[in-house]
Amino acid sequence: MSRCFPFPPLGYEREHRPEDLDAWKEENHKEKKQKKEKKDKERREGKEKRGKERSDKKHGEKKDQNEKHKDKKEKHRVKKKEKNWEKDREEQHL
């Protein structure tokens, strides 16, 4: 077959091999399927990992907020006790 012309030379007959072609297509299809499954698996694992990291981060932030809130409550309690103690002391002196 000549590369110079867009058609085959005279008397050229193409050999048909449907068995080989089918086998090749089947093999190629399996390879693509395996490759796709592997890629999907990696994506899922990546998403799970990122999701876990985010939840850990959020949990840590929430924990910090709770600690700050507890600290504020404790400071408020201490101030309230001091005020009450001072009032009681003043009343005793009068």
N, C-alpha and C. Protein backbone atom coordinates (compact mmCIF):
# COMPACT_ATOMS: atom_id res chain seq x y z
N MET A 1 0.85 -1.17 0.00
CA MET A 1 0.00 0.00 0.00
C MET A 1 0.89 1.24 0.00
N SER A 2 0.61 2.15 -0.84
CA SER A 2 1.43 3.33 -0.99
C SER A 2 0.96 4.42 -0.04
N ARG A 3 1.92 5.11 0.52
CA ARG A 3 1.58 6.20 1.43
C ARG A 3 1.31 7.50 0.68
N CYS A 4 1.66 7.52 -0.60
CA CYS A 4 1.49 8.73 -1.38
C CYS A 4 0.04 8.96 -1.81
N PHE A 5 -0.72 7.89 -1.90
CA PHE A 5 -2.09 8.02 -2.38
C PHE A 5 -3.08 7.66 -1.28
N PRO A 6 -4.22 8.28 -1.28
CA PRO A 6 -5.22 8.00 -0.24
C PRO A 6 -6.00 6.70 -0.49
N PHE A 7 -5.60 5.92 -1.48
CA PHE A 7 -6.32 4.67 -1.76
C PHE A 7 -5.28 3.56 -1.96
N PRO A 8 -5.67 2.32 -1.73
CA PRO A 8 -4.72 1.20 -1.86
C PRO A 8 -4.39 0.91 -3.33
N PRO A 9 -3.24 0.28 -3.56
CA PRO A 9 -2.87 -0.04 -4.95
C PRO A 9 -3.80 -1.10 -5.56
N LEU A 10 -3.76 -1.23 -6.84
CA LEU A 10 -4.61 -2.19 -7.53
C LEU A 10 -4.25 -3.61 -7.09
N GLY A 11 -5.27 -4.40 -6.88
CA GLY A 11 -5.06 -5.80 -6.52
C GLY A 11 -4.80 -6.02 -5.04
N TYR A 12 -4.80 -4.98 -4.25
CA TYR A 12 -4.55 -5.12 -2.81
C TYR A 12 -5.84 -5.53 -2.10
N GLU A 13 -5.74 -6.59 -1.33
CA GLU A 13 -6.88 -7.02 -0.52
C GLU A 13 -6.46 -7.06 0.93
N ARG A 14 -7.26 -6.49 1.73
CA ARG A 14 -6.97 -6.42 3.16
C ARG A 14 -7.31 -7.76 3.81
N GLU A 15 -6.42 -8.19 4.69
CA GLU A 15 -6.67 -9.45 5.39
C GLU A 15 -7.59 -9.16 6.59
N HIS A 16 -8.65 -9.89 6.67
CA HIS A 16 -9.59 -9.70 7.78
C HIS A 16 -9.26 -10.68 8.89
N ARG A 17 -9.10 -10.16 10.08
CA ARG A 17 -8.81 -11.00 11.24
C ARG A 17 -9.76 -10.61 12.39
N PRO A 18 -11.00 -10.93 12.30
CA PRO A 18 -11.94 -10.54 13.35
C PRO A 18 -11.63 -11.18 14.70
N GLU A 19 -11.07 -12.40 14.70
CA GLU A 19 -10.74 -13.07 15.96
C GLU A 19 -9.67 -12.29 16.71
N ASP A 20 -8.62 -11.93 15.99
CA ASP A 20 -7.53 -11.17 16.62
C ASP A 20 -8.02 -9.80 17.07
N LEU A 21 -8.84 -9.19 16.25
CA LEU A 21 -9.35 -7.86 16.55
C LEU A 21 -10.23 -7.90 17.80
N ASP A 22 -11.10 -8.91 17.87
CA ASP A 22 -11.96 -9.05 19.04
C ASP A 22 -11.15 -9.29 20.31
N ALA A 23 -10.13 -10.14 20.21
CA ALA A 23 -9.29 -10.43 21.36
C ALA A 23 -8.56 -9.16 21.81
N TRP A 24 -8.06 -8.41 20.85
CA TRP A 24 -7.34 -7.19 21.18
C TRP A 24 -8.27 -6.18 21.84
N LYS A 25 -9.49 -6.03 21.30
CA LYS A 25 -10.45 -5.10 21.87
C LYS A 25 -10.81 -5.50 23.29
N GLU A 26 -11.01 -6.79 23.49
CA GLU A 26 -11.37 -7.30 24.81
C GLU A 26 -10.24 -7.02 25.82
N GLU A 27 -9.03 -7.30 25.41
CA GLU A 27 -7.87 -7.06 26.28
C GLU A 27 -7.72 -5.58 26.59
N ASN A 28 -7.88 -4.76 25.59
CA ASN A 28 -7.77 -3.32 25.76
C ASN A 28 -8.87 -2.82 26.69
N HIS A 29 -10.07 -3.35 26.54
CA HIS A 29 -11.20 -2.97 27.39
C HIS A 29 -10.91 -3.33 28.86
N LYS A 30 -10.36 -4.52 29.09
CA LYS A 30 -10.02 -4.95 30.46
C LYS A 30 -8.97 -4.04 31.08
N GLU A 31 -7.95 -3.70 30.29
CA GLU A 31 -6.89 -2.82 30.78
C GLU A 31 -7.45 -1.45 31.16
N LYS A 32 -8.31 -0.91 30.31
CA LYS A 32 -8.91 0.40 30.60
C LYS A 32 -9.77 0.34 31.85
N LYS A 33 -10.53 -0.75 31.99
CA LYS A 33 -11.40 -0.92 33.14
C LYS A 33 -10.58 -0.98 34.43
N GLN A 34 -9.49 -1.76 34.41
CA GLN A 34 -8.62 -1.87 35.58
C GLN A 34 -8.00 -0.52 35.92
N LYS A 35 -7.58 0.20 34.91
CA LYS A 35 -6.97 1.51 35.12
C LYS A 35 -7.98 2.47 35.74
N LYS A 36 -9.22 2.43 35.24
CA LYS A 36 -10.26 3.30 35.76
C LYS A 36 -10.59 2.95 37.20
N GLU A 37 -10.69 1.66 37.52
CA GLU A 37 -10.98 1.22 38.88
C GLU A 37 -9.89 1.68 39.84
N LYS A 38 -8.65 1.56 39.41
CA LYS A 38 -7.52 1.99 40.24
C LYS A 38 -7.59 3.50 40.51
N LYS A 39 -7.89 4.25 39.46
CA LYS A 39 -7.98 5.70 39.58
C LYS A 39 -9.12 6.09 40.52
N ASP A 40 -10.28 5.44 40.36
CA ASP A 40 -11.42 5.72 41.22
C ASP A 40 -11.12 5.39 42.68
N LYS A 41 -10.43 4.28 42.89
CA LYS A 41 -10.06 3.86 44.24
C LYS A 41 -9.16 4.91 44.89
N GLU A 42 -8.18 5.39 44.14
CA GLU A 42 -7.27 6.42 44.65
C GLU A 42 -8.03 7.70 44.99
N ARG A 43 -8.99 8.05 44.15
CA ARG A 43 -9.79 9.26 44.40
C ARG A 43 -10.59 9.10 45.69
N ARG A 44 -11.24 7.93 45.84
CA ARG A 44 -12.04 7.69 47.04
C ARG A 44 -11.18 7.77 48.29
N GLU A 45 -10.02 7.13 48.24
CA GLU A 45 -9.11 7.16 49.40
C GLU A 45 -8.67 8.59 49.70
N GLY A 46 -8.39 9.36 48.66
CA GLY A 46 -7.99 10.75 48.85
C GLY A 46 -9.10 11.56 49.48
N LYS A 47 -10.33 11.35 49.02
CA LYS A 47 -11.46 12.07 49.59
C LYS A 47 -11.68 11.70 51.04
N GLU A 48 -11.58 10.41 51.35
CA GLU A 48 -11.76 9.96 52.74
C GLU A 48 -10.69 10.58 53.63
N LYS A 49 -9.48 10.60 53.14
CA LYS A 49 -8.37 11.15 53.92
C LYS A 49 -8.58 12.64 54.17
N ARG A 50 -8.97 13.36 53.11
CA ARG A 50 -9.21 14.80 53.25
C ARG A 50 -10.38 15.06 54.19
N GLY A 51 -11.42 14.25 54.06
CA GLY A 51 -12.58 14.41 54.93
C GLY A 51 -12.23 14.17 56.38
N LYS A 52 -11.38 13.18 56.62
CA LYS A 52 -10.95 12.88 57.99
C LYS A 52 -10.12 14.03 58.55
N GLU A 53 -9.22 14.56 57.72
CA GLU A 53 -8.39 15.68 58.16
C GLU A 53 -9.26 16.88 58.50
N ARG A 54 -10.26 17.13 57.66
CA ARG A 54 -11.14 18.28 57.91
C ARG A 54 -11.93 18.10 59.19
N SER A 55 -12.44 16.88 59.39
CA SER A 55 -13.24 16.65 60.59
C SER A 55 -12.36 16.78 61.83
N ASP A 56 -11.12 16.28 61.75
CA ASP A 56 -10.20 16.42 62.88
C ASP A 56 -9.92 17.89 63.16
N LYS A 57 -9.74 18.65 62.08
CA LYS A 57 -9.47 20.08 62.23
C LYS A 57 -10.66 20.79 62.86
N LYS A 58 -11.86 20.47 62.36
CA LYS A 58 -13.06 21.09 62.91
C LYS A 58 -13.25 20.71 64.37
N HIS A 59 -12.99 19.43 64.67
CA HIS A 59 -13.12 18.96 66.04
C HIS A 59 -12.16 19.71 66.95
N GLY A 60 -10.93 19.92 66.47
CA GLY A 60 -9.94 20.66 67.25
C GLY A 60 -10.36 22.09 67.49
N GLU A 61 -10.91 22.72 66.44
CA GLU A 61 -11.37 24.11 66.57
C GLU A 61 -12.52 24.19 67.56
N LYS A 62 -13.42 23.25 67.48
CA LYS A 62 -14.58 23.25 68.36
C LYS A 62 -14.11 23.04 69.81
N LYS A 63 -13.13 22.16 69.98
CA LYS A 63 -12.59 21.90 71.31
C LYS A 63 -11.97 23.18 71.88
N ASP A 64 -11.23 23.90 71.05
CA ASP A 64 -10.61 25.16 71.48
C ASP A 64 -11.68 26.17 71.88
N GLN A 65 -12.74 26.25 71.10
CA GLN A 65 -13.82 27.19 71.42
C GLN A 65 -14.47 26.82 72.74
N ASN A 66 -14.68 25.54 72.96
CA ASN A 66 -15.28 25.09 74.22
C ASN A 66 -14.39 25.44 75.40
N GLU A 67 -13.08 25.24 75.23
CA GLU A 67 -12.15 25.57 76.31
C GLU A 67 -12.18 27.07 76.61
N LYS A 68 -12.20 27.89 75.58
CA LYS A 68 -12.26 29.34 75.78
C LYS A 68 -13.54 29.73 76.50
N HIS A 69 -14.64 29.10 76.10
CA HIS A 69 -15.92 29.39 76.72
C HIS A 69 -15.89 29.00 78.21
N LYS A 70 -15.30 27.84 78.50
CA LYS A 70 -15.19 27.40 79.90
C LYS A 70 -14.33 28.36 80.70
N ASP A 71 -13.25 28.83 80.10
CA ASP A 71 -12.37 29.79 80.78
C ASP A 71 -13.12 31.08 81.10
N LYS A 72 -13.89 31.55 80.15
CA LYS A 72 -14.66 32.78 80.38
C LYS A 72 -15.67 32.58 81.51
N LYS A 73 -16.33 31.42 81.50
CA LYS A 73 -17.30 31.14 82.56
C LYS A 73 -16.61 31.11 83.92
N GLU A 74 -15.47 30.47 83.95
CA GLU A 74 -14.72 30.36 85.22
C GLU A 74 -14.30 31.74 85.71
N LYS A 75 -13.81 32.59 84.84
CA LYS A 75 -13.41 33.95 85.22
C LYS A 75 -14.60 34.72 85.77
N HIS A 76 -15.74 34.55 85.09
CA HIS A 76 -16.96 35.23 85.53
C HIS A 76 -17.35 34.75 86.94
N ARG A 77 -17.28 33.46 87.17
CA ARG A 77 -17.61 32.90 88.49
C ARG A 77 -16.70 33.46 89.57
N VAL A 78 -15.42 33.53 89.24
CA VAL A 78 -14.44 34.03 90.21
C VAL A 78 -14.73 35.49 90.54
N LYS A 79 -15.00 36.29 89.53
CA LYS A 79 -15.31 37.70 89.77
C LYS A 79 -16.57 37.85 90.60
N LYS A 80 -17.56 37.04 90.31
CA LYS A 80 -18.82 37.11 91.05
C LYS A 80 -18.59 36.75 92.52
N LYS A 81 -17.80 35.72 92.76
CA LYS A 81 -17.49 35.32 94.13
C LYS A 81 -16.75 36.42 94.87
N GLU A 82 -15.80 37.07 94.19
CA GLU A 82 -15.03 38.16 94.81
C GLU A 82 -15.95 39.32 95.17
N LYS A 83 -16.88 39.65 94.27
CA LYS A 83 -17.82 40.75 94.55
C LYS A 83 -18.67 40.41 95.78
N ASN A 84 -19.20 39.19 95.78
CA ASN A 84 -20.03 38.77 96.91
C ASN A 84 -19.22 38.77 98.21
N TRP A 85 -17.99 38.33 98.14
CA TRP A 85 -17.13 38.27 99.33
C TRP A 85 -16.87 39.69 99.85
N GLU A 86 -16.60 40.64 98.90
CA GLU A 86 -16.36 42.03 99.29
C GLU A 86 -17.62 42.65 99.91
N LYS A 87 -18.78 42.38 99.34
CA LYS A 87 -20.03 42.89 99.88
C LYS A 87 -20.25 42.36 101.30
N ASP A 88 -20.06 41.10 101.49
CA ASP A 88 -20.22 40.49 102.80
C ASP A 88 -19.26 41.11 103.82
N ARG A 89 -18.06 41.34 103.39
CA ARG A 89 -17.05 41.90 104.27
C ARG A 89 -17.42 43.33 104.68
N GLU A 90 -17.90 44.11 103.71
CA GLU A 90 -18.33 45.48 104.00
C GLU A 90 -19.50 45.50 104.97
N GLU A 91 -20.44 44.59 104.76
CA GLU A 91 -21.61 44.51 105.65
C GLU A 91 -21.20 44.14 107.06
N GLN A 92 -20.22 43.32 107.20
CA GLN A 92 -19.76 42.92 108.52
C GLN A 92 -19.07 44.09 109.24
N HIS A 93 -18.37 44.91 108.51
CA HIS A 93 -17.67 46.05 109.10
C HIS A 93 -18.63 47.16 109.50
N LEU A 94 -19.73 47.26 108.92
CA LEU A 94 -20.66 48.35 109.22
C LEU A 94 -21.39 47.99 110.45
